[in-house]
Every structure is written in C-alpha cells, then in structure tokens.
PDB file of all heavy atoms in Angstrom:
ATOM      1  N   HIS A   1      28.759  18.770  -7.916  1.00  0.00           N
ATOM      2  CA  HIS A   1      30.142  18.567  -7.430  1.00  0.00           C
ATOM      3  C   HIS A   1      31.044  18.448  -8.650  1.00  0.00           C
ATOM      4  O   HIS A   1      31.142  17.382  -9.264  1.00  0.00           O
ATOM      5  CB  HIS A   1      30.230  17.336  -6.556  1.00  0.00           C
ATOM      6  CG  HIS A   1      31.630  17.047  -6.057  1.00  0.00           C
ATOM      7  ND1 HIS A   1      32.248  17.846  -5.131  1.00  0.00           N
ATOM      8  CD2 HIS A   1      32.503  16.048  -6.376  1.00  0.00           C
ATOM      9  CE1 HIS A   1      33.468  17.356  -4.884  1.00  0.00           C
ATOM     10  NE2 HIS A   1      33.644  16.265  -5.637  1.00  0.00           N
ATOM     11  N   GLY A   2      31.695  19.552  -9.030  1.00  0.00           N
ATOM     12  CA  GLY A   2      32.511  19.531 -10.226  1.00  0.00           C
ATOM     13  C   GLY A   2      31.657  19.230 -11.449  1.00  0.00           C
ATOM     14  O   GLY A   2      30.670  19.905 -11.720  1.00  0.00           O
ATOM     15  N   GLY A   3      32.031  18.167 -12.178  1.00  0.00           N
ATOM     16  CA  GLY A   3      31.299  17.829 -13.382  1.00  0.00           C
ATOM     17  C   GLY A   3      30.202  16.799 -13.200  1.00  0.00           C
ATOM     18  O   GLY A   3      29.669  16.265 -14.185  1.00  0.00           O
ATOM     19  N   ILE A   4      29.854  16.506 -11.938  1.00  0.00           N
ATOM     20  CA  ILE A   4      28.793  15.526 -11.695  1.00  0.00           C
ATOM     21  C   ILE A   4      27.731  16.115 -10.762  1.00  0.00           C
ATOM     22  O   ILE A   4      27.957  17.126 -10.097  1.00  0.00           O
ATOM     23  CB  ILE A   4      29.331  14.216 -11.098  1.00  0.00           C
ATOM     24  CG1 ILE A   4      29.909  14.476  -9.692  1.00  0.00           C
ATOM     25  CG2 ILE A   4      30.371  13.570 -11.999  1.00  0.00           C
ATOM     26  CD1 ILE A   4      30.271  13.204  -8.948  1.00  0.00           C
ATOM     27  N   VAL A   5      26.611  15.444 -10.721  1.00  0.00           N
ATOM     28  CA  VAL A   5      25.504  15.804  -9.836  1.00  0.00           C
ATOM     29  C   VAL A   5      25.126  14.591  -9.028  1.00  0.00           C
ATOM     30  O   VAL A   5      25.032  13.488  -9.552  1.00  0.00           O
ATOM     31  CB  VAL A   5      24.280  16.315 -10.647  1.00  0.00           C
ATOM     32  CG1 VAL A   5      23.009  16.241  -9.813  1.00  0.00           C
ATOM     33  CG2 VAL A   5      24.513  17.722 -11.145  1.00  0.00           C
ATOM     34  N   ARG A   6      24.915  14.824  -7.737  1.00  0.00           N
ATOM     35  CA  ARG A   6      24.316  13.787  -6.897  1.00  0.00           C
ATOM     36  C   ARG A   6      22.823  14.095  -6.810  1.00  0.00           C
ATOM     37  O   ARG A   6      22.429  15.133  -6.286  1.00  0.00           O
ATOM     38  CB  ARG A   6      24.946  13.746  -5.505  1.00  0.00           C
ATOM     39  CG  ARG A   6      24.290  12.673  -4.603  1.00  0.00           C
ATOM     40  CD  ARG A   6      25.093  12.477  -3.333  1.00  0.00           C
ATOM     41  NE  ARG A   6      25.165  13.695  -2.563  1.00  0.00           N
ATOM     42  CZ  ARG A   6      26.122  13.955  -1.653  1.00  0.00           C
ATOM     43  NH1 ARG A   6      27.086  13.086  -1.459  1.00  0.00           N
ATOM     44  NH2 ARG A   6      26.099  15.068  -0.967  1.00  0.00           N
ATOM     45  N   LEU A   7      22.002  13.186  -7.315  1.00  0.00           N
ATOM     46  CA  LEU A   7      20.564  13.359  -7.311  1.00  0.00           C
ATOM     47  C   LEU A   7      19.981  12.410  -6.251  1.00  0.00           C
ATOM     48  O   LEU A   7      20.084  11.194  -6.368  1.00  0.00           O
ATOM     49  CB  LEU A   7      19.983  13.034  -8.675  1.00  0.00           C
ATOM     50  CG  LEU A   7      18.439  13.029  -8.777  1.00  0.00           C
ATOM     51  CD1 LEU A   7      17.866  14.388  -8.406  1.00  0.00           C
ATOM     52  CD2 LEU A   7      18.017  12.645 -10.209  1.00  0.00           C
ATOM     53  N   THR A   8      19.368  13.001  -5.242  1.00  0.00           N
ATOM     54  CA  THR A   8      18.730  12.209  -4.148  1.00  0.00           C
ATOM     55  C   THR A   8      17.234  12.352  -4.273  1.00  0.00           C
ATOM     56  O   THR A   8      16.715  13.481  -4.298  1.00  0.00           O
ATOM     57  CB  THR A   8      19.191  12.710  -2.772  1.00  0.00           C
ATOM     58  OG1 THR A   8      20.613  12.661  -2.689  1.00  0.00           O
ATOM     59  CG2 THR A   8      18.602  11.840  -1.673  1.00  0.00           C
ATOM     60  N   VAL A   9      16.547  11.230  -4.363  1.00  0.00           N
ATOM     61  CA  VAL A   9      15.095  11.199  -4.447  1.00  0.00           C
ATOM     62  C   VAL A   9      14.555  10.582  -3.159  1.00  0.00           C
ATOM     63  O   VAL A   9      14.893   9.463  -2.824  1.00  0.00           O
ATOM     64  CB  VAL A   9      14.598  10.418  -5.679  1.00  0.00           C
ATOM     65  CG1 VAL A   9      13.067  10.402  -5.721  1.00  0.00           C
ATOM     66  CG2 VAL A   9      15.164  11.032  -6.948  1.00  0.00           C
ATOM     67  N   THR A  10      13.727  11.323  -2.458  1.00  0.00           N
ATOM     68  CA  THR A  10      13.099  10.853  -1.234  1.00  0.00           C
ATOM     69  C   THR A  10      11.586  10.789  -1.450  1.00  0.00           C
ATOM     70  O   THR A  10      10.986  11.748  -1.891  1.00  0.00           O
ATOM     71  CB  THR A  10      13.393  11.791  -0.061  1.00  0.00           C
ATOM     72  OG1 THR A  10      14.800  11.982   0.064  1.00  0.00           O
ATOM     73  CG2 THR A  10      12.841  11.230   1.248  1.00  0.00           C
ATOM     74  N   HIS A  11      11.019   9.629  -1.188  1.00  0.00           N
ATOM     75  CA  HIS A  11       9.556   9.453  -1.322  1.00  0.00           C
ATOM     76  C   HIS A  11       9.001   9.102   0.051  1.00  0.00           C
ATOM     77  O   HIS A  11       9.248   8.021   0.564  1.00  0.00           O
ATOM     78  CB  HIS A  11       9.239   8.340  -2.336  1.00  0.00           C
ATOM     79  CG  HIS A  11       7.885   8.455  -2.933  1.00  0.00           C
ATOM     80  ND1 HIS A  11       7.585   8.054  -4.229  1.00  0.00           N
ATOM     81  CD2 HIS A  11       6.707   8.918  -2.432  1.00  0.00           C
ATOM     82  CE1 HIS A  11       6.334   8.280  -4.475  1.00  0.00           C
ATOM     83  NE2 HIS A  11       5.758   8.775  -3.399  1.00  0.00           N
ATOM     84  N   GLU A  12       8.248  10.026   0.651  1.00  0.00           N
ATOM     85  CA  GLU A  12       7.763   9.868   2.018  1.00  0.00           C
ATOM     86  C   GLU A  12       6.244   9.706   2.069  1.00  0.00           C
ATOM     87  O   GLU A  12       5.541   9.957   1.088  1.00  0.00           O
ATOM     88  CB  GLU A  12       8.163  11.102   2.848  1.00  0.00           C
ATOM     89  CG  GLU A  12       9.649  11.370   2.873  1.00  0.00           C
ATOM     90  CD  GLU A  12      10.007  12.672   3.597  1.00  0.00           C
ATOM     91  OE1 GLU A  12      10.185  12.631   4.834  1.00  0.00           O
ATOM     92  OE2 GLU A  12      10.069  13.682   2.906  1.00  0.00           O
ATOM     93  N   ASN A  13       5.782   9.308   3.238  1.00  0.00           N
ATOM     94  CA  ASN A  13       4.344   9.143   3.511  1.00  0.00           C
ATOM     95  C   ASN A  13       3.679   8.147   2.563  1.00  0.00           C
ATOM     96  O   ASN A  13       2.553   8.367   2.110  1.00  0.00           O
ATOM     97  CB  ASN A  13       3.640  10.502   3.430  1.00  0.00           C
ATOM     98  CG  ASN A  13       2.368  10.510   4.268  1.00  0.00           C
ATOM     99  OD1 ASN A  13       2.318   9.955   5.350  1.00  0.00           O
ATOM    100  ND2 ASN A  13       1.325  11.149   3.762  1.00  0.00           N
ATOM    101  N   LEU A  14       4.380   7.060   2.279  1.00  0.00           N
ATOM    102  CA  LEU A  14       3.817   6.022   1.453  1.00  0.00           C
ATOM    103  C   LEU A  14       2.700   5.287   2.198  1.00  0.00           C
ATOM    104  O   LEU A  14       2.703   5.204   3.430  1.00  0.00           O
ATOM    105  CB  LEU A  14       4.898   5.035   1.039  1.00  0.00           C
ATOM    106  CG  LEU A  14       5.964   5.645   0.124  1.00  0.00           C
ATOM    107  CD1 LEU A  14       7.213   4.784   0.112  1.00  0.00           C
ATOM    108  CD2 LEU A  14       5.429   5.820  -1.283  1.00  0.00           C
ATOM    109  N   ALA A  15       1.725   4.776   1.453  1.00  0.00           N
ATOM    110  CA  ALA A  15       0.530   4.234   2.067  1.00  0.00           C
ATOM    111  C   ALA A  15       0.801   3.015   2.921  1.00  0.00           C
ATOM    112  O   ALA A  15       0.266   2.868   4.011  1.00  0.00           O
ATOM    113  CB  ALA A  15      -0.510   3.896   0.989  1.00  0.00           C
ATOM    114  N   ASP A  16       1.680   2.107   2.413  1.00  0.00           N
ATOM    115  CA  ASP A  16       1.916   0.853   3.131  1.00  0.00           C
ATOM    116  C   ASP A  16       3.149   0.172   2.548  1.00  0.00           C
ATOM    117  O   ASP A  16       3.826   0.713   1.686  1.00  0.00           O
ATOM    118  CB  ASP A  16       0.708  -0.073   3.023  1.00  0.00           C
ATOM    119  CG  ASP A  16       0.206  -0.241   1.596  1.00  0.00           C
ATOM    120  OD1 ASP A  16       1.039  -0.199   0.671  1.00  0.00           O
ATOM    121  OD2 ASP A  16      -1.019  -0.394   1.402  1.00  0.00           O
ATOM    122  N   GLY A  17       3.410  -1.056   3.029  1.00  0.00           N
ATOM    123  CA  GLY A  17       4.566  -1.797   2.560  1.00  0.00           C
ATOM    124  C   GLY A  17       4.505  -2.131   1.072  1.00  0.00           C
ATOM    125  O   GLY A  17       5.535  -2.198   0.402  1.00  0.00           O
ATOM    126  N   GLN A  18       3.301  -2.366   0.550  1.00  0.00           N
ATOM    127  CA  GLN A  18       3.159  -2.666  -0.871  1.00  0.00           C
ATOM    128  C   GLN A  18       3.543  -1.469  -1.718  1.00  0.00           C
ATOM    129  O   GLN A  18       4.226  -1.613  -2.734  1.00  0.00           O
ATOM    130  CB  GLN A  18       1.710  -3.076  -1.180  1.00  0.00           C
ATOM    131  CG  GLN A  18       1.439  -3.384  -2.646  1.00  0.00           C
ATOM    132  CD  GLN A  18       2.265  -4.527  -3.181  1.00  0.00           C
ATOM    133  OE1 GLN A  18       2.608  -5.452  -2.432  1.00  0.00           O
ATOM    134  NE2 GLN A  18       2.597  -4.486  -4.466  1.00  0.00           N
ATOM    135  N   ALA A  19       3.131  -0.282  -1.290  1.00  0.00           N
ATOM    136  CA  ALA A  19       3.522   0.932  -2.017  1.00  0.00           C
ATOM    137  C   ALA A  19       5.032   1.124  -1.981  1.00  0.00           C
ATOM    138  O   ALA A  19       5.643   1.521  -2.976  1.00  0.00           O
ATOM    139  CB  ALA A  19       2.815   2.158  -1.409  1.00  0.00           C
ATOM    140  N   LEU A  20       5.645   0.827  -0.843  1.00  0.00           N
ATOM    141  CA  LEU A  20       7.101   0.922  -0.730  1.00  0.00           C
ATOM    142  C   LEU A  20       7.780  -0.047  -1.706  1.00  0.00           C
ATOM    143  O   LEU A  20       8.759   0.310  -2.369  1.00  0.00           O
ATOM    144  CB  LEU A  20       7.516   0.618   0.707  1.00  0.00           C
ATOM    145  CG  LEU A  20       9.036   0.563   0.982  1.00  0.00           C
ATOM    146  CD1 LEU A  20       9.663   1.918   0.721  1.00  0.00           C
ATOM    147  CD2 LEU A  20       9.303   0.119   2.415  1.00  0.00           C
ATOM    148  N   HIS A  21       7.257  -1.258  -1.792  1.00  0.00           N
ATOM    149  CA  HIS A  21       7.819  -2.244  -2.736  1.00  0.00           C
ATOM    150  C   HIS A  21       7.702  -1.777  -4.166  1.00  0.00           C
ATOM    151  O   HIS A  21       8.667  -1.883  -4.955  1.00  0.00           O
ATOM    152  CB  HIS A  21       7.098  -3.585  -2.538  1.00  0.00           C
ATOM    153  CG  HIS A  21       7.471  -4.625  -3.553  1.00  0.00           C
ATOM    154  ND1 HIS A  21       8.723  -5.251  -3.550  1.00  0.00           N
ATOM    155  CD2 HIS A  21       6.810  -5.128  -4.637  1.00  0.00           C
ATOM    156  CE1 HIS A  21       8.794  -6.096  -4.579  1.00  0.00           C
ATOM    157  NE2 HIS A  21       7.664  -6.042  -5.232  1.00  0.00           N
ATOM    158  N   GLU A  22       6.568  -1.229  -4.533  1.00  0.00           N
ATOM    159  CA  GLU A  22       6.325  -0.804  -5.906  1.00  0.00           C
ATOM    160  C   GLU A  22       7.249   0.358  -6.293  1.00  0.00           C
ATOM    161  O   GLU A  22       7.844   0.360  -7.402  1.00  0.00           O
ATOM    162  CB  GLU A  22       4.879  -0.427  -6.103  1.00  0.00           C
ATOM    163  CG  GLU A  22       3.936  -1.603  -6.025  1.00  0.00           C
ATOM    164  CD  GLU A  22       2.475  -1.197  -6.065  1.00  0.00           C
ATOM    165  OE1 GLU A  22       2.213   0.028  -6.058  1.00  0.00           O
ATOM    166  OE2 GLU A  22       1.617  -2.095  -6.081  1.00  0.00           O
ATOM    167  N   ILE A  23       7.374   1.348  -5.443  1.00  0.00           N
ATOM    168  CA  ILE A  23       8.227   2.471  -5.851  1.00  0.00           C
ATOM    169  C   ILE A  23       9.710   2.118  -5.738  1.00  0.00           C
ATOM    170  O   ILE A  23      10.550   2.719  -6.394  1.00  0.00           O
ATOM    171  CB  ILE A  23       7.895   3.754  -5.019  1.00  0.00           C
ATOM    172  CG1 ILE A  23       8.184   3.574  -3.526  1.00  0.00           C
ATOM    173  CG2 ILE A  23       6.452   4.180  -5.225  1.00  0.00           C
ATOM    174  CD1 ILE A  23       9.485   4.174  -3.128  1.00  0.00           C
ATOM    175  N   SER A  24      10.025   1.078  -4.935  1.00  0.00           N
ATOM    176  CA  SER A  24      11.417   0.599  -4.882  1.00  0.00           C
ATOM    177  C   SER A  24      11.848  -0.006  -6.200  1.00  0.00           C
ATOM    178  O   SER A  24      13.035  -0.015  -6.516  1.00  0.00           O
ATOM    179  CB  SER A  24      11.578  -0.433  -3.757  1.00  0.00           C
ATOM    180  OG  SER A  24      11.334   0.144  -2.495  1.00  0.00           O
ATOM    181  N   LEU A  25      10.886  -0.502  -6.974  1.00  0.00           N
ATOM    182  CA  LEU A  25      11.173  -0.994  -8.306  1.00  0.00           C
ATOM    183  C   LEU A  25      11.114   0.128  -9.352  1.00  0.00           C
ATOM    184  O   LEU A  25      11.875   0.136 -10.318  1.00  0.00           O
ATOM    185  CB  LEU A  25      10.187  -2.109  -8.675  1.00  0.00           C
ATOM    186  CG  LEU A  25      10.195  -3.377  -7.798  1.00  0.00           C
ATOM    187  CD1 LEU A  25       9.089  -4.305  -8.223  1.00  0.00           C
ATOM    188  CD2 LEU A  25      11.539  -4.064  -7.872  1.00  0.00           C
ATOM    189  N   GLY A  26      10.190   1.058  -9.153  1.00  0.00           N
ATOM    190  CA  GLY A  26       9.972   2.095 -10.152  1.00  0.00           C
ATOM    191  C   GLY A  26      10.996   3.188 -10.236  1.00  0.00           C
ATOM    192  O   GLY A  26      11.493   3.532 -11.325  1.00  0.00           O
ATOM    193  N   TRP A  27      11.379   3.735  -9.060  1.00  0.00           N
ATOM    194  CA  TRP A  27      12.303   4.886  -9.091  1.00  0.00           C
ATOM    195  C   TRP A  27      13.654   4.550  -9.685  1.00  0.00           C
ATOM    196  O   TRP A  27      14.180   5.304 -10.485  1.00  0.00           O
ATOM    197  CB  TRP A  27      12.480   5.459  -7.689  1.00  0.00           C
ATOM    198  CG  TRP A  27      11.384   6.440  -7.297  1.00  0.00           C
ATOM    199  CD1 TRP A  27      10.543   6.372  -6.236  1.00  0.00           C
ATOM    200  CD2 TRP A  27      11.027   7.654  -7.993  1.00  0.00           C
ATOM    201  NE1 TRP A  27       9.691   7.434  -6.223  1.00  0.00           N
ATOM    202  CE2 TRP A  27       9.967   8.255  -7.270  1.00  0.00           C
ATOM    203  CE3 TRP A  27      11.505   8.278  -9.133  1.00  0.00           C
ATOM    204  CZ2 TRP A  27       9.374   9.451  -7.665  1.00  0.00           C
ATOM    205  CZ3 TRP A  27      10.914   9.476  -9.529  1.00  0.00           C
ATOM    206  CH2 TRP A  27       9.873  10.053  -8.802  1.00  0.00           C
ATOM    207  N   PRO A  28      14.301   3.399  -9.313  1.00  0.00           N
ATOM    208  CA  PRO A  28      15.603   3.107  -9.939  1.00  0.00           C
ATOM    209  C   PRO A  28      15.515   3.010 -11.478  1.00  0.00           C
ATOM    210  O   PRO A  28      16.436   3.419 -12.186  1.00  0.00           O
ATOM    211  CB  PRO A  28      15.985   1.765  -9.300  1.00  0.00           C
ATOM    212  CG  PRO A  28      15.288   1.759  -8.001  1.00  0.00           C
ATOM    213  CD  PRO A  28      13.972   2.436  -8.246  1.00  0.00           C
ATOM    214  N   ALA A  29      14.399   2.442 -11.981  1.00  0.00           N
ATOM    215  CA  ALA A  29      14.253   2.312 -13.430  1.00  0.00           C
ATOM    216  C   ALA A  29      14.128   3.672 -14.097  1.00  0.00           C
ATOM    217  O   ALA A  29      14.778   3.966 -15.122  1.00  0.00           O
ATOM    218  CB  ALA A  29      13.016   1.453 -13.749  1.00  0.00           C
ATOM    219  N   VAL A  30      13.298   4.546 -13.537  1.00  0.00           N
ATOM    220  CA  VAL A  30      13.111   5.888 -14.105  1.00  0.00           C
ATOM    221  C   VAL A  30      14.413   6.687 -14.065  1.00  0.00           C
ATOM    222  O   VAL A  30      14.805   7.307 -15.056  1.00  0.00           O
ATOM    223  CB  VAL A  30      11.989   6.622 -13.338  1.00  0.00           C
ATOM    224  CG1 VAL A  30      11.949   8.102 -13.735  1.00  0.00           C
ATOM    225  CG2 VAL A  30      10.637   5.981 -13.597  1.00  0.00           C
ATOM    226  N   LEU A  31      15.108   6.641 -12.953  1.00  0.00           N
ATOM    227  CA  LEU A  31      16.317   7.439 -12.793  1.00  0.00           C
ATOM    228  C   LEU A  31      17.471   6.893 -13.614  1.00  0.00           C
ATOM    229  O   LEU A  31      18.331   7.633 -14.072  1.00  0.00           O
ATOM    230  CB  LEU A  31      16.701   7.538 -11.321  1.00  0.00           C
ATOM    231  CG  LEU A  31      15.653   8.259 -10.447  1.00  0.00           C
ATOM    232  CD1 LEU A  31      16.043   8.182  -8.988  1.00  0.00           C
ATOM    233  CD2 LEU A  31      15.497   9.711 -10.875  1.00  0.00           C
ATOM    234  N   ALA A  32      17.497   5.566 -13.842  1.00  0.00           N
ATOM    235  CA  ALA A  32      18.503   4.998 -14.758  1.00  0.00           C
ATOM    236  C   ALA A  32      18.302   5.521 -16.167  1.00  0.00           C
ATOM    237  O   ALA A  32      19.257   5.821 -16.899  1.00  0.00           O
ATOM    238  CB  ALA A  32      18.442   3.475 -14.742  1.00  0.00           C
ATOM    239  N   ASN A  33      17.044   5.641 -16.598  1.00  0.00           N
ATOM    240  CA  ASN A  33      16.728   6.169 -17.909  1.00  0.00           C
ATOM    241  C   ASN A  33      17.100   7.649 -18.016  1.00  0.00           C
ATOM    242  O   ASN A  33      17.624   8.101 -19.024  1.00  0.00           O
ATOM    243  CB  ASN A  33      15.241   5.970 -18.205  1.00  0.00           C
ATOM    244  CG  ASN A  33      15.002   5.285 -19.520  1.00  0.00           C
ATOM    245  OD1 ASN A  33      15.931   4.767 -20.164  1.00  0.00           O
ATOM    246  ND2 ASN A  33      13.763   5.249 -19.970  1.00  0.00           N
ATOM    247  N   LEU A  34      16.851   8.395 -16.952  1.00  0.00           N
ATOM    248  CA  LEU A  34      17.229   9.828 -16.906  1.00  0.00           C
ATOM    249  C   LEU A  34      18.731   9.949 -17.031  1.00  0.00           C
ATOM    250  O   LEU A  34      19.248  10.781 -17.793  1.00  0.00           O
ATOM    251  CB  LEU A  34      16.709  10.455 -15.617  1.00  0.00           C
ATOM    252  CG  LEU A  34      17.037  11.938 -15.365  1.00  0.00           C
ATOM    253  CD1 LEU A  34      15.969  12.556 -14.448  1.00  0.00           C
ATOM    254  CD2 LEU A  34      18.396  12.134 -14.693  1.00  0.00           C
ATOM    255  N   LYS A  35      19.468   9.162 -16.262  1.00  0.00           N
ATOM    256  CA  LYS A  35      20.947   9.210 -16.280  1.00  0.00           C
ATOM    257  C   LYS A  35      21.471   8.881 -17.679  1.00  0.00           C
ATOM    258  O   LYS A  35      22.375   9.583 -18.199  1.00  0.00           O
ATOM    259  CB  LYS A  35      21.479   8.207 -15.250  1.00  0.00           C
ATOM    260  CG  LYS A  35      22.996   8.065 -15.200  1.00  0.00           C
ATOM    261  CD  LYS A  35      23.379   7.048 -14.136  1.00  0.00           C
ATOM    262  CE  LYS A  35      24.855   6.707 -14.182  1.00  0.00           C
ATOM    263  NZ  LYS A  35      25.695   7.820 -13.711  1.00  0.00           N
ATOM    264  N   SER A  36      20.903   7.855 -18.312  1.00  0.00           N
ATOM    265  CA  SER A  36      21.340   7.465 -19.650  1.00  0.00           C
ATOM    266  C   SER A  36      21.092   8.610 -20.653  1.00  0.00           C
ATOM    267  O   SER A  36      21.958   8.918 -21.477  1.00  0.00           O
ATOM    268  CB  SER A  36      20.638   6.218 -20.101  1.00  0.00           C
ATOM    269  OG  SER A  36      20.996   5.869 -21.419  1.00  0.00           O
ATOM    270  N   LEU A  37      19.933   9.245 -20.547  1.00  0.00           N
ATOM    271  CA  LEU A  37      19.588  10.329 -21.481  1.00  0.00           C
ATOM    272  C   LEU A  37      20.560  11.484 -21.334  1.00  0.00           C
ATOM    273  O   LEU A  37      21.022  12.033 -22.354  1.00  0.00           O
ATOM    274  CB  LEU A  37      18.159  10.774 -21.233  1.00  0.00           C
ATOM    275  CG  LEU A  37      17.669  11.942 -22.076  1.00  0.00           C
ATOM    276  CD1 LEU A  37      17.679  11.587 -23.561  1.00  0.00           C
ATOM    277  CD2 LEU A  37      16.245  12.357 -21.654  1.00  0.00           C
ATOM    278  N   LEU A  38      20.859  11.888 -20.129  1.00  0.00           N
ATOM    279  CA  LEU A  38      21.739  13.046 -19.922  1.00  0.00           C
ATOM    280  C   LEU A  38      23.174  12.746 -20.269  1.00  0.00           C
ATOM    281  O   LEU A  38      23.908  13.623 -20.733  1.00  0.00           O
ATOM    282  CB  LEU A  38      21.635  13.535 -18.486  1.00  0.00           C
ATOM    283  CG  LEU A  38      20.318  14.204 -18.083  1.00  0.00           C
ATOM    284  CD1 LEU A  38      20.347  14.618 -16.614  1.00  0.00           C
ATOM    285  CD2 LEU A  38      20.028  15.411 -18.938  1.00  0.00           C
ATOM    286  N   GLU A  39      23.622  11.517 -20.070  1.00  0.00           N
ATOM    287  CA  GLU A  39      25.034  11.187 -20.276  1.00  0.00           C
ATOM    288  C   GLU A  39      25.321  10.749 -21.713  1.00  0.00           C
ATOM    289  O   GLU A  39      26.447  10.913 -22.183  1.00  0.00           O
ATOM    290  CB  GLU A  39      25.471  10.102 -19.290  1.00  0.00           C
ATOM    291  CG  GLU A  39      25.487  10.583 -17.860  1.00  0.00           C
ATOM    292  CD  GLU A  39      25.988   9.547 -16.883  1.00  0.00           C
ATOM    293  OE1 GLU A  39      26.038   8.351 -17.245  1.00  0.00           O
ATOM    294  OE2 GLU A  39      26.372   9.928 -15.754  1.00  0.00           O
ATOM    295  N   THR A  40      24.345  10.187 -22.384  1.00  0.00           N
ATOM    296  CA  THR A  40      24.599   9.658 -23.739  1.00  0.00           C
ATOM    297  C   THR A  40      23.719  10.308 -24.808  1.00  0.00           C
ATOM    298  O   THR A  40      23.982  10.114 -26.015  1.00  0.00           O
ATOM    299  CB  THR A  40      24.355   8.136 -23.783  1.00  0.00           C
ATOM    300  OG1 THR A  40      22.922   7.867 -23.680  1.00  0.00           O
ATOM    301  CG2 THR A  40      25.068   7.422 -22.664  1.00  0.00           C
ATOM    302  N   GLY A  41      22.691  11.019 -24.400  1.00  0.00           N
ATOM    303  CA  GLY A  41      21.766  11.598 -25.364  1.00  0.00           C
ATOM    304  C   GLY A  41      20.664  10.637 -25.784  1.00  0.00           C
ATOM    305  O   GLY A  41      19.770  10.999 -26.547  1.00  0.00           O
ATOM    306  N   GLU A  42      20.697   9.389 -25.245  1.00  0.00           N
ATOM    307  CA  GLU A  42      19.692   8.408 -25.584  1.00  0.00           C
ATOM    308  C   GLU A  42      19.215   7.720 -24.299  1.00  0.00           C
ATOM    309  O   GLU A  42      20.010   7.500 -23.381  1.00  0.00           O
ATOM    310  CB  GLU A  42      20.261   7.343 -26.528  1.00  0.00           C
ATOM    311  CG  GLU A  42      20.723   7.901 -27.881  1.00  0.00           C
ATOM    312  CD  GLU A  42      19.595   8.375 -28.750  1.00  0.00           C
ATOM    313  OE1 GLU A  42      18.461   7.900 -28.504  1.00  0.00           O
ATOM    314  OE2 GLU A  42      19.819   9.175 -29.657  1.00  0.00           O
ATOM    315  N   VAL A  43      17.943   7.349 -24.301  1.00  0.00           N
ATOM    316  CA  VAL A  43      17.449   6.537 -23.190  1.00  0.00           C
ATOM    317  C   VAL A  43      17.921   5.107 -23.368  1.00  0.00           C
ATOM    318  O   VAL A  43      18.488   4.747 -24.403  1.00  0.00           O
ATOM    319  CB  VAL A  43      15.912   6.604 -23.103  1.00  0.00           C
ATOM    320  CG1 VAL A  43      15.454   8.021 -22.814  1.00  0.00           C
ATOM    321  CG2 VAL A  43      15.272   6.084 -24.385  1.00  0.00           C
ATOM    322  N   LEU A  44      17.688   4.267 -22.383  1.00  0.00           N
ATOM    323  CA  LEU A  44      18.065   2.855 -22.476  1.00  0.00           C
ATOM    324  C   LEU A  44      17.317   2.189 -23.619  1.00  0.00           C
ATOM    325  O   LEU A  44      16.187   2.582 -23.949  1.00  0.00           O
ATOM    326  CB  LEU A  44      17.760   2.146 -21.145  1.00  0.00           C
ATOM    327  CG  LEU A  44      18.584   2.650 -19.938  1.00  0.00           C
ATOM    328  CD1 LEU A  44      18.057   2.036 -18.657  1.00  0.00           C
ATOM    329  CD2 LEU A  44      20.052   2.348 -20.136  1.00  0.00           C
ATOM    330  N   PRO A  45      17.903   1.158 -24.259  1.00  0.00           N
ATOM    331  CA  PRO A  45      17.284   0.549 -25.439  1.00  0.00           C
ATOM    332  C   PRO A  45      15.960  -0.163 -25.126  1.00  0.00           C
ATOM    333  O   PRO A  45      15.178  -0.403 -26.049  1.00  0.00           O
ATOM    334  CB  PRO A  45      18.344  -0.428 -25.912  1.00  0.00           C
ATOM    335  CG  PRO A  45      19.237  -0.667 -24.755  1.00  0.00           C
ATOM    336  CD  PRO A  45      19.224   0.596 -23.974  1.00  0.00           C
ATOM    337  N   GLU A  46      15.716  -0.513 -23.889  1.00  0.00           N
ATOM    338  CA  GLU A  46      14.449  -1.103 -23.486  1.00  0.00           C
ATOM    339  C   GLU A  46      13.936  -0.348 -22.263  1.00  0.00           C
ATOM    340  O   GLU A  46      14.705   0.210 -21.490  1.00  0.00           O
ATOM    341  CB  GLU A  46      14.623  -2.601 -23.121  1.00  0.00           C
ATOM    342  CG  GLU A  46      15.281  -3.454 -24.206  1.00  0.00           C
ATOM    343  CD  GLU A  46      14.423  -3.611 -25.438  1.00  0.00           C
ATOM    344  OE1 GLU A  46      13.188  -3.397 -25.329  1.00  0.00           O
ATOM    345  OE2 GLU A  46      14.982  -3.925 -26.500  1.00  0.00           O
ATOM    346  N   GLU A  47      12.612  -0.338 -22.103  1.00  0.00           N
ATOM    347  CA  GLU A  47      12.037   0.315 -20.939  1.00  0.00           C
ATOM    348  C   GLU A  47      12.443  -0.449 -19.687  1.00  0.00           C
ATOM    349  O   GLU A  47      12.076  -1.605 -19.518  1.00  0.00           O
ATOM    350  CB  GLU A  47      10.514   0.373 -21.055  1.00  0.00           C
ATOM    351  CG  GLU A  47      10.027   1.260 -22.175  1.00  0.00           C
ATOM    352  CD  GLU A  47       8.515   1.281 -22.253  1.00  0.00           C
ATOM    353  OE1 GLU A  47       7.870   0.359 -21.686  1.00  0.00           O
ATOM    354  OE2 GLU A  47       7.953   2.216 -22.844  1.00  0.00           O
TER     355      GLU A  47
END
C-alpha cells in the first residue's frame, strides 16, 4: 500500500493451547526483528 507493506502471518492447525501460547510469544519477536532490519538496516540490539 504505497510505501508500506501489511504483513499478515497466520499459523493454523496448532497442536494445543501450549503451542498457541509459545508461538504467540515467538512470532511478534521474529517479525519485530524483521521490521527493524528492513526499516533501519539493523536488527534490534538484543534478541
């Protein structure tokens, strides 16, 4: 959309509630690092 991208990540068929909890923590962290890399040229200073 113009100069931005909307990135939607859908994770389906998860094994159980524990798997849902784990990826709910993991995906935002990974995608925040991706966003930082594309917008600034550097990943976040800490994992």
